[in-house]
Each structure stands twice: as C-alpha cells, then as structure tokens.
Amino acid sequence: MLRIAALFAMTLALSPCLRAQDPDPPPPNQEMQRQEIVNMEGETARAMLLNNGSFFHRVYSDDFVGMLTHGQPVDRNGLINLVQSNEIKYQVFIANDIKVRLYQDIAVATCLWTSRGVFRGEHFNTQIRVTHIYVNGPRGWHVVAAQNTALPPNADQPL
C-alpha cells in the first residue's frame, strides 16, 4: 500500500513536467484561413460554370439556408438542383472583389459574381453581390448561409 501511495505522489509531482512537454496547439494562421476561404469562393464560381453539384455537397452544410437574387429561399438540395439544371448554361462565371472577415470559427465572405450565359434559350449578362457565412468545424470550412443580390445595369456608376 505504501508503494502505491508513493507512486501516486510521484505521479502528481511530475504531472506539471509532463504537461509542459505537451504544448498548446499554435493559434490558427488567419492569413492562411483567409486564403482558404478565397480559394473556396473561386471554386464555387468554377462549380457554377461547370454545373457541378458535387462541390456543393462537399462544401455547403446539410442545414444550409440561402436567398437567391430575387429573395427566394433555398436549401442545399434546392441549390444543387438549380446548379445542375439543364435550363442554364454559363459561358463565363467569375468571382472577384473577394473580401473575407474572420471571427474565430466563423468567416464572412463577400464577392462579386459576374456571369454570362443562356437561360431557357435567352442570353444574359449579370452581376450579383454575394455574402457567404462559413463555419469552421472538425471537417473544415462549410457554407451555412448565403445572400445573393442582383445588381441593376450600370450599378457601378455614381448616383
């Protein structure tokens, strides 16, 4: 019994030393996280261009909720159906003016989508301001919410 008590006392005495050898993980590199989100915004544009719904299965959360350009609510499956639809074919789809703000495990990304293509046989050119909300979880960053706002023609001109 005395041996067990001595072993227990020694373990308690050495536990701070053992803890010192197990350093805390380094803080996340915010610039690396920001670049990861910027890359994901570019991948989103590429997935739209290619009508690739599998990207959205991987990156958008199961409980994703979004608003389309005219205020229509959409969930992940509805978005994937729209992306994969044969009614729309993009010739150009570009995400630029990407800005990312990080708040611990949440990121807010804003960007400008510029696209050209054919929808139901009609040619179109559009610009859309987009906001994506990302959450960083055990499997990486996932989009949980989005808001899309269509810009009127000549929106870049001063009032």
N, C-alpha and C. Protein backbone atom coordinates (compact mmCIF):
# COMPACT_ATOMS: atom_id res chain seq x y z
N MET A 1 0.82 -1.18 0.00
CA MET A 1 0.00 0.00 0.00
C MET A 1 0.87 1.26 0.00
N LEU A 2 1.96 1.20 0.75
CA LEU A 2 2.87 2.34 0.82
C LEU A 2 3.49 2.61 -0.55
N ARG A 3 3.78 1.52 -1.30
CA ARG A 3 4.34 1.66 -2.63
C ARG A 3 3.37 2.37 -3.58
N ILE A 4 2.09 2.03 -3.50
CA ILE A 4 1.08 2.65 -4.35
C ILE A 4 0.95 4.13 -4.02
N ALA A 5 0.95 4.45 -2.74
CA ALA A 5 0.85 5.85 -2.31
C ALA A 5 2.06 6.63 -2.80
N ALA A 6 3.24 6.05 -2.73
CA ALA A 6 4.46 6.72 -3.19
C ALA A 6 4.41 6.94 -4.71
N LEU A 7 3.94 5.94 -5.43
CA LEU A 7 3.82 6.05 -6.88
C LEU A 7 2.80 7.14 -7.26
N PHE A 8 1.71 7.20 -6.52
CA PHE A 8 0.69 8.21 -6.76
C PHE A 8 1.25 9.61 -6.49
N ALA A 9 1.98 9.77 -5.40
CA ALA A 9 2.57 11.06 -5.05
C ALA A 9 3.59 11.49 -6.10
N MET A 10 4.39 10.54 -6.59
CA MET A 10 5.38 10.86 -7.62
C MET A 10 4.69 11.28 -8.92
N THR A 11 3.60 10.60 -9.28
CA THR A 11 2.85 10.95 -10.49
C THR A 11 2.31 12.36 -10.39
N LEU A 12 1.75 12.71 -9.23
CA LEU A 12 1.24 14.06 -9.03
C LEU A 12 2.36 15.09 -9.11
N ALA A 13 3.51 14.77 -8.54
CA ALA A 13 4.63 15.70 -8.54
C ALA A 13 5.17 15.93 -9.95
N LEU A 14 5.16 14.91 -10.79
CA LEU A 14 5.70 15.02 -12.14
C LEU A 14 4.69 15.48 -13.18
N SER A 15 3.42 15.52 -12.82
CA SER A 15 2.40 15.87 -13.82
C SER A 15 2.62 17.25 -14.45
N PRO A 16 3.06 18.29 -13.71
CA PRO A 16 3.34 19.56 -14.40
C PRO A 16 4.44 19.43 -15.45
N CYS A 17 5.43 18.58 -15.19
CA CYS A 17 6.52 18.38 -16.16
C CYS A 17 5.98 17.69 -17.41
N LEU A 18 5.11 16.72 -17.20
CA LEU A 18 4.54 16.02 -18.34
C LEU A 18 3.69 16.97 -19.18
N ARG A 19 2.96 17.85 -18.55
CA ARG A 19 2.12 18.81 -19.25
C ARG A 19 2.97 19.79 -20.06
N ALA A 20 4.12 20.17 -19.53
CA ALA A 20 4.99 21.12 -20.22
C ALA A 20 5.49 20.56 -21.54
N GLN A 21 5.57 19.24 -21.67
CA GLN A 21 6.04 18.63 -22.91
C GLN A 21 4.93 18.52 -23.95
N ASP A 22 3.69 18.80 -23.56
CA ASP A 22 2.56 18.74 -24.47
C ASP A 22 2.07 20.17 -24.71
N PRO A 23 2.74 20.93 -25.60
CA PRO A 23 2.40 22.35 -25.75
C PRO A 23 1.01 22.53 -26.35
N ASP A 24 0.43 23.68 -26.06
CA ASP A 24 -0.85 24.03 -26.66
C ASP A 24 -0.66 24.15 -28.17
N PRO A 25 -1.70 23.82 -28.93
CA PRO A 25 -1.55 23.98 -30.38
C PRO A 25 -1.35 25.45 -30.73
N PRO A 26 -0.60 25.72 -31.78
CA PRO A 26 -0.37 27.12 -32.16
C PRO A 26 -1.68 27.76 -32.59
N PRO A 27 -1.79 29.06 -32.42
CA PRO A 27 -3.01 29.74 -32.88
C PRO A 27 -3.14 29.61 -34.39
N PRO A 28 -4.38 29.58 -34.90
CA PRO A 28 -4.54 29.43 -36.34
C PRO A 28 -3.94 30.62 -37.09
N ASN A 29 -3.39 30.33 -38.23
CA ASN A 29 -2.83 31.36 -39.09
C ASN A 29 -3.99 32.01 -39.84
N GLN A 30 -4.34 33.24 -39.45
CA GLN A 30 -5.51 33.89 -40.04
C GLN A 30 -5.34 34.15 -41.54
N GLU A 31 -4.15 34.46 -41.97
CA GLU A 31 -3.96 34.71 -43.40
C GLU A 31 -4.16 33.42 -44.20
N MET A 32 -3.72 32.30 -43.65
CA MET A 32 -3.92 31.02 -44.33
C MET A 32 -5.43 30.68 -44.38
N GLN A 33 -6.13 30.93 -43.28
CA GLN A 33 -7.57 30.69 -43.26
C GLN A 33 -8.29 31.60 -44.27
N ARG A 34 -7.89 32.85 -44.31
CA ARG A 34 -8.48 33.81 -45.25
C ARG A 34 -8.26 33.33 -46.68
N GLN A 35 -7.06 32.88 -47.00
CA GLN A 35 -6.76 32.41 -48.35
C GLN A 35 -7.56 31.15 -48.68
N GLU A 36 -7.78 30.29 -47.70
CA GLU A 36 -8.59 29.09 -47.91
C GLU A 36 -10.01 29.47 -48.32
N ILE A 37 -10.59 30.47 -47.65
CA ILE A 37 -11.94 30.93 -47.99
C ILE A 37 -11.95 31.57 -49.38
N VAL A 38 -10.95 32.38 -49.69
CA VAL A 38 -10.85 32.98 -51.03
C VAL A 38 -10.82 31.88 -52.09
N ASN A 39 -10.04 30.84 -51.85
CA ASN A 39 -9.96 29.72 -52.79
C ASN A 39 -11.32 29.03 -52.95
N MET A 40 -12.04 28.87 -51.83
CA MET A 40 -13.35 28.23 -51.89
C MET A 40 -14.35 29.08 -52.68
N GLU A 41 -14.24 30.40 -52.57
CA GLU A 41 -15.10 31.28 -53.36
C GLU A 41 -14.81 31.09 -54.86
N GLY A 42 -13.53 30.97 -55.21
CA GLY A 42 -13.17 30.70 -56.60
C GLY A 42 -13.67 29.34 -57.07
N GLU A 43 -13.58 28.33 -56.19
CA GLU A 43 -14.09 27.00 -56.53
C GLU A 43 -15.60 27.02 -56.72
N THR A 44 -16.29 27.86 -55.94
CA THR A 44 -17.75 27.98 -56.09
C THR A 44 -18.08 28.49 -57.49
N ALA A 45 -17.36 29.51 -57.93
CA ALA A 45 -17.59 30.05 -59.27
C ALA A 45 -17.32 28.99 -60.34
N ARG A 46 -16.26 28.24 -60.15
CA ARG A 46 -15.94 27.17 -61.13
C ARG A 46 -17.02 26.10 -61.14
N ALA A 47 -17.53 25.73 -59.97
CA ALA A 47 -18.60 24.73 -59.89
C ALA A 47 -19.86 25.24 -60.59
N MET A 48 -20.16 26.53 -60.44
CA MET A 48 -21.32 27.11 -61.12
C MET A 48 -21.11 27.04 -62.64
N LEU A 49 -19.93 27.43 -63.09
CA LEU A 49 -19.62 27.42 -64.52
C LEU A 49 -19.80 26.03 -65.12
N LEU A 50 -19.38 25.00 -64.36
CA LEU A 50 -19.42 23.62 -64.86
C LEU A 50 -20.71 22.89 -64.50
N ASN A 51 -21.67 23.58 -63.87
CA ASN A 51 -22.92 22.95 -63.41
C ASN A 51 -22.61 21.73 -62.55
N ASN A 52 -21.63 21.89 -61.64
CA ASN A 52 -21.12 20.79 -60.81
C ASN A 52 -21.74 20.83 -59.41
N GLY A 53 -22.75 20.03 -59.18
CA GLY A 53 -23.41 20.00 -57.88
C GLY A 53 -22.62 19.30 -56.80
N SER A 54 -21.68 18.43 -57.17
CA SER A 54 -20.94 17.67 -56.14
C SER A 54 -20.11 18.60 -55.25
N PHE A 55 -19.64 19.71 -55.79
CA PHE A 55 -18.91 20.68 -54.97
C PHE A 55 -19.78 21.16 -53.82
N PHE A 56 -21.05 21.44 -54.08
CA PHE A 56 -21.95 21.96 -53.06
C PHE A 56 -22.29 20.90 -52.02
N HIS A 57 -22.31 19.62 -52.42
CA HIS A 57 -22.50 18.53 -51.44
C HIS A 57 -21.36 18.53 -50.44
N ARG A 58 -20.15 18.81 -50.92
CA ARG A 58 -18.96 18.74 -50.08
C ARG A 58 -18.78 19.98 -49.21
N VAL A 59 -19.07 21.16 -49.73
CA VAL A 59 -18.71 22.41 -49.07
C VAL A 59 -19.88 23.08 -48.35
N TYR A 60 -21.08 22.89 -48.82
CA TYR A 60 -22.25 23.52 -48.18
C TYR A 60 -22.81 22.57 -47.12
N SER A 61 -23.15 23.11 -45.96
CA SER A 61 -23.62 22.28 -44.84
C SER A 61 -25.00 21.70 -45.14
N ASP A 62 -25.31 20.61 -44.44
CA ASP A 62 -26.61 19.96 -44.60
C ASP A 62 -27.75 20.93 -44.30
N ASP A 63 -27.53 21.83 -43.34
CA ASP A 63 -28.59 22.75 -42.93
C ASP A 63 -28.42 24.15 -43.58
N PHE A 64 -27.72 24.20 -44.70
CA PHE A 64 -27.52 25.46 -45.42
C PHE A 64 -28.86 26.13 -45.72
N VAL A 65 -28.88 27.45 -45.59
CA VAL A 65 -30.04 28.25 -45.99
C VAL A 65 -29.52 29.46 -46.74
N GLY A 66 -30.16 29.77 -47.86
CA GLY A 66 -29.72 30.90 -48.65
C GLY A 66 -30.88 31.65 -49.25
N MET A 67 -30.57 32.82 -49.80
CA MET A 67 -31.54 33.64 -50.51
C MET A 67 -30.99 33.88 -51.91
N LEU A 68 -31.81 33.59 -52.90
CA LEU A 68 -31.43 33.82 -54.28
C LEU A 68 -31.63 35.30 -54.61
N THR A 69 -31.32 35.68 -55.83
CA THR A 69 -31.26 37.09 -56.20
C THR A 69 -32.58 37.85 -56.08
N HIS A 70 -33.70 37.15 -56.14
CA HIS A 70 -34.99 37.83 -56.05
C HIS A 70 -35.68 37.50 -54.73
N GLY A 71 -34.90 37.09 -53.72
CA GLY A 71 -35.44 36.84 -52.39
C GLY A 71 -36.00 35.44 -52.18
N GLN A 72 -35.83 34.55 -53.14
CA GLN A 72 -36.35 33.20 -52.98
C GLN A 72 -35.45 32.40 -52.02
N PRO A 73 -36.04 31.80 -50.97
CA PRO A 73 -35.23 30.98 -50.07
C PRO A 73 -34.84 29.67 -50.77
N VAL A 74 -33.67 29.16 -50.40
CA VAL A 74 -33.20 27.91 -50.99
C VAL A 74 -32.38 27.15 -49.95
N ASP A 75 -32.55 25.83 -49.93
CA ASP A 75 -31.71 24.98 -49.08
C ASP A 75 -30.64 24.34 -49.96
N ARG A 76 -29.80 23.50 -49.36
CA ARG A 76 -28.69 22.92 -50.13
C ARG A 76 -29.19 22.10 -51.32
N ASN A 77 -30.18 21.22 -51.11
CA ASN A 77 -30.66 20.38 -52.21
C ASN A 77 -31.29 21.23 -53.32
N GLY A 78 -32.03 22.26 -52.94
CA GLY A 78 -32.62 23.14 -53.95
C GLY A 78 -31.54 23.86 -54.75
N LEU A 79 -30.48 24.30 -54.07
CA LEU A 79 -29.37 24.96 -54.77
C LEU A 79 -28.69 24.01 -55.72
N ILE A 80 -28.45 22.79 -55.26
CA ILE A 80 -27.80 21.79 -56.13
C ILE A 80 -28.65 21.52 -57.36
N ASN A 81 -29.96 21.42 -57.17
CA ASN A 81 -30.85 21.20 -58.33
C ASN A 81 -30.77 22.36 -59.32
N LEU A 82 -30.71 23.60 -58.80
CA LEU A 82 -30.57 24.76 -59.68
C LEU A 82 -29.24 24.73 -60.43
N VAL A 83 -28.17 24.42 -59.73
CA VAL A 83 -26.84 24.40 -60.33
C VAL A 83 -26.76 23.35 -61.44
N GLN A 84 -27.36 22.19 -61.20
CA GLN A 84 -27.28 21.08 -62.16
C GLN A 84 -28.35 21.15 -63.25
N SER A 85 -29.21 22.14 -63.19
CA SER A 85 -30.31 22.26 -64.15
C SER A 85 -29.78 22.42 -65.57
N ASN A 86 -30.50 21.82 -66.50
CA ASN A 86 -30.15 21.97 -67.92
C ASN A 86 -30.66 23.28 -68.50
N GLU A 87 -31.45 24.02 -67.70
CA GLU A 87 -32.02 25.28 -68.20
C GLU A 87 -31.00 26.40 -68.28
N ILE A 88 -29.90 26.28 -67.54
CA ILE A 88 -28.91 27.35 -67.52
C ILE A 88 -27.54 26.80 -67.89
N LYS A 89 -26.90 27.49 -68.81
CA LYS A 89 -25.54 27.14 -69.23
C LYS A 89 -24.71 28.42 -69.20
N TYR A 90 -23.67 28.39 -68.39
CA TYR A 90 -22.79 29.55 -68.28
C TYR A 90 -21.67 29.46 -69.30
N GLN A 91 -21.36 30.59 -69.90
CA GLN A 91 -20.18 30.70 -70.75
C GLN A 91 -19.04 31.31 -69.95
N VAL A 92 -19.40 32.17 -69.00
CA VAL A 92 -18.44 32.83 -68.11
C VAL A 92 -19.05 32.88 -66.73
N PHE A 93 -18.25 32.58 -65.72
CA PHE A 93 -18.68 32.75 -64.33
C PHE A 93 -17.43 33.08 -63.52
N ILE A 94 -17.37 34.31 -63.01
CA ILE A 94 -16.17 34.79 -62.32
C ILE A 94 -16.56 35.33 -60.95
N ALA A 95 -15.77 34.97 -59.95
CA ALA A 95 -15.91 35.57 -58.61
C ALA A 95 -14.70 36.47 -58.41
N ASN A 96 -14.93 37.77 -58.16
CA ASN A 96 -13.82 38.67 -57.87
C ASN A 96 -14.23 39.64 -56.77
N ASP A 97 -13.37 40.57 -56.45
CA ASP A 97 -13.60 41.51 -55.35
C ASP A 97 -13.94 40.74 -54.07
N ILE A 98 -13.19 39.66 -53.83
CA ILE A 98 -13.46 38.78 -52.67
C ILE A 98 -12.83 39.39 -51.42
N LYS A 99 -13.66 39.54 -50.40
CA LYS A 99 -13.20 40.03 -49.10
C LYS A 99 -13.63 39.03 -48.04
N VAL A 100 -12.75 38.75 -47.09
CA VAL A 100 -13.03 37.77 -46.05
C VAL A 100 -12.74 38.39 -44.69
N ARG A 101 -13.69 38.25 -43.80
CA ARG A 101 -13.53 38.67 -42.40
C ARG A 101 -13.64 37.44 -41.52
N LEU A 102 -12.68 37.28 -40.62
CA LEU A 102 -12.65 36.11 -39.74
C LEU A 102 -13.04 36.49 -38.32
N TYR A 103 -13.87 35.66 -37.72
CA TYR A 103 -14.31 35.83 -36.34
C TYR A 103 -14.23 34.46 -35.67
N GLN A 104 -13.07 34.11 -35.15
CA GLN A 104 -12.80 32.80 -34.54
C GLN A 104 -13.13 31.70 -35.54
N ASP A 105 -14.19 30.91 -35.31
CA ASP A 105 -14.53 29.81 -36.21
C ASP A 105 -15.60 30.17 -37.23
N ILE A 106 -15.81 31.46 -37.45
CA ILE A 106 -16.79 31.93 -38.42
C ILE A 106 -16.08 32.87 -39.38
N ALA A 107 -16.44 32.77 -40.65
CA ALA A 107 -15.90 33.67 -41.67
C ALA A 107 -17.06 34.24 -42.48
N VAL A 108 -16.96 35.51 -42.82
CA VAL A 108 -17.93 36.16 -43.69
C VAL A 108 -17.17 36.55 -44.96
N ALA A 109 -17.64 36.01 -46.08
CA ALA A 109 -17.01 36.30 -47.37
C ALA A 109 -18.00 37.07 -48.24
N THR A 110 -17.52 38.14 -48.84
CA THR A 110 -18.33 38.88 -49.80
C THR A 110 -17.58 38.92 -51.11
N CYS A 111 -18.33 38.88 -52.20
CA CYS A 111 -17.68 38.95 -53.51
C CYS A 111 -18.67 39.39 -54.57
N LEU A 112 -18.16 39.61 -55.75
CA LEU A 112 -18.95 39.99 -56.91
C LEU A 112 -18.90 38.84 -57.90
N TRP A 113 -20.07 38.31 -58.25
CA TRP A 113 -20.17 37.29 -59.28
C TRP A 113 -20.56 37.97 -60.58
N THR A 114 -19.80 37.71 -61.62
CA THR A 114 -20.11 38.19 -62.96
C THR A 114 -20.29 36.97 -63.84
N SER A 115 -21.43 36.91 -64.53
CA SER A 115 -21.67 35.74 -65.36
C SER A 115 -22.33 36.13 -66.68
N ARG A 116 -22.13 35.25 -67.64
CA ARG A 116 -22.75 35.37 -68.96
C ARG A 116 -23.13 33.97 -69.38
N GLY A 117 -24.29 33.84 -70.00
CA GLY A 117 -24.72 32.52 -70.43
C GLY A 117 -26.07 32.54 -71.10
N VAL A 118 -26.72 31.36 -71.07
CA VAL A 118 -28.03 31.20 -71.69
C VAL A 118 -28.95 30.55 -70.66
N PHE A 119 -30.11 31.18 -70.43
CA PHE A 119 -31.12 30.65 -69.52
C PHE A 119 -32.41 30.49 -70.30
N ARG A 120 -32.86 29.24 -70.44
CA ARG A 120 -34.09 28.92 -71.18
C ARG A 120 -34.08 29.55 -72.58
N GLY A 121 -32.93 29.45 -73.23
CA GLY A 121 -32.80 29.95 -74.60
C GLY A 121 -32.52 31.43 -74.74
N GLU A 122 -32.51 32.18 -73.64
CA GLU A 122 -32.26 33.62 -73.67
C GLU A 122 -30.86 33.93 -73.15
N HIS A 123 -30.12 34.77 -73.86
CA HIS A 123 -28.79 35.17 -73.41
C HIS A 123 -28.90 36.17 -72.26
N PHE A 124 -27.94 36.11 -71.33
CA PHE A 124 -27.96 37.04 -70.20
C PHE A 124 -26.53 37.42 -69.82
N ASN A 125 -26.41 38.55 -69.18
CA ASN A 125 -25.20 39.05 -68.53
C ASN A 125 -25.65 39.54 -67.16
N THR A 126 -25.02 39.09 -66.09
CA THR A 126 -25.45 39.53 -64.76
C THR A 126 -24.25 39.81 -63.87
N GLN A 127 -24.51 40.63 -62.88
CA GLN A 127 -23.58 40.82 -61.77
C GLN A 127 -24.39 40.68 -60.49
N ILE A 128 -23.83 39.95 -59.56
CA ILE A 128 -24.51 39.64 -58.30
C ILE A 128 -23.54 39.86 -57.16
N ARG A 129 -23.97 40.58 -56.14
CA ARG A 129 -23.20 40.69 -54.89
C ARG A 129 -23.60 39.52 -54.02
N VAL A 130 -22.61 38.82 -53.48
CA VAL A 130 -22.84 37.60 -52.73
C VAL A 130 -22.20 37.70 -51.35
N THR A 131 -22.91 37.22 -50.34
CA THR A 131 -22.35 37.08 -49.00
C THR A 131 -22.49 35.62 -48.58
N HIS A 132 -21.39 34.99 -48.19
CA HIS A 132 -21.40 33.63 -47.67
C HIS A 132 -20.93 33.64 -46.23
N ILE A 133 -21.60 32.87 -45.39
CA ILE A 133 -21.20 32.68 -44.00
C ILE A 133 -20.64 31.26 -43.88
N TYR A 134 -19.39 31.17 -43.44
CA TYR A 134 -18.70 29.89 -43.26
C TYR A 134 -18.55 29.60 -41.77
N VAL A 135 -18.61 28.32 -41.42
CA VAL A 135 -18.30 27.86 -40.07
C VAL A 135 -17.20 26.82 -40.18
N ASN A 136 -16.17 26.96 -39.35
CA ASN A 136 -15.06 26.02 -39.35
C ASN A 136 -15.32 24.95 -38.31
N GLY A 137 -15.51 23.72 -38.75
CA GLY A 137 -15.78 22.59 -37.86
C GLY A 137 -14.72 21.53 -37.99
N PRO A 138 -14.97 20.35 -37.45
CA PRO A 138 -13.99 19.27 -37.48
C PRO A 138 -13.58 18.85 -38.90
N ARG A 139 -14.47 19.05 -39.87
CA ARG A 139 -14.15 18.68 -41.26
C ARG A 139 -13.81 19.89 -42.13
N GLY A 140 -13.46 21.01 -41.50
CA GLY A 140 -13.06 22.19 -42.25
C GLY A 140 -14.19 23.19 -42.40
N TRP A 141 -13.98 24.15 -43.30
CA TRP A 141 -14.94 25.23 -43.53
C TRP A 141 -16.13 24.74 -44.33
N HIS A 142 -17.33 25.15 -43.90
CA HIS A 142 -18.57 24.85 -44.63
C HIS A 142 -19.44 26.09 -44.70
N VAL A 143 -20.09 26.29 -45.84
CA VAL A 143 -21.01 27.41 -46.01
C VAL A 143 -22.32 27.03 -45.31
N VAL A 144 -22.78 27.90 -44.42
CA VAL A 144 -24.04 27.64 -43.71
C VAL A 144 -25.14 28.59 -44.15
N ALA A 145 -24.79 29.73 -44.74
CA ALA A 145 -25.80 30.69 -45.18
C ALA A 145 -25.24 31.53 -46.32
N ALA A 146 -26.17 32.03 -47.16
CA ALA A 146 -25.77 32.88 -48.29
C ALA A 146 -26.88 33.86 -48.61
N GLN A 147 -26.47 35.01 -49.10
CA GLN A 147 -27.41 36.04 -49.57
C GLN A 147 -26.89 36.55 -50.91
N ASN A 148 -27.72 36.49 -51.94
CA ASN A 148 -27.36 36.96 -53.28
C ASN A 148 -28.23 38.14 -53.64
N THR A 149 -27.62 39.20 -54.15
CA THR A 149 -28.36 40.39 -54.57
C THR A 149 -27.96 40.75 -55.99
N ALA A 150 -28.92 40.71 -56.90
CA ALA A 150 -28.64 41.06 -58.29
C ALA A 150 -28.42 42.57 -58.39
N LEU A 151 -27.43 42.96 -59.14
CA LEU A 151 -27.15 44.36 -59.37
C LEU A 151 -27.86 44.83 -60.64
N PRO A 152 -28.43 46.00 -60.59
CA PRO A 152 -29.06 46.53 -61.81
C PRO A 152 -27.97 46.92 -62.81
N PRO A 153 -28.34 47.06 -64.09
CA PRO A 153 -27.36 47.52 -65.06
C PRO A 153 -26.79 48.88 -64.63
N ASN A 154 -25.53 49.09 -64.90
CA ASN A 154 -24.83 50.33 -64.58
C ASN A 154 -24.78 50.61 -63.08
N ALA A 155 -24.79 49.56 -62.26
CA ALA A 155 -24.78 49.74 -60.81
C ALA A 155 -23.48 50.35 -60.31
N ASP A 156 -22.42 50.27 -61.09
CA ASP A 156 -21.13 50.79 -60.65
C ASP A 156 -21.00 52.30 -60.88
N GLN A 157 -22.00 52.91 -61.51
CA GLN A 157 -21.95 54.34 -61.75
C GLN A 157 -22.45 55.10 -60.53
N PRO A 158 -21.88 56.25 -60.22
CA PRO A 158 -22.35 57.02 -59.05
C PRO A 158 -23.77 57.53 -59.28
N LEU A 159 -24.46 57.73 -58.16
CA LEU A 159 -25.85 58.22 -58.24
C LEU A 159 -25.92 59.64 -58.73
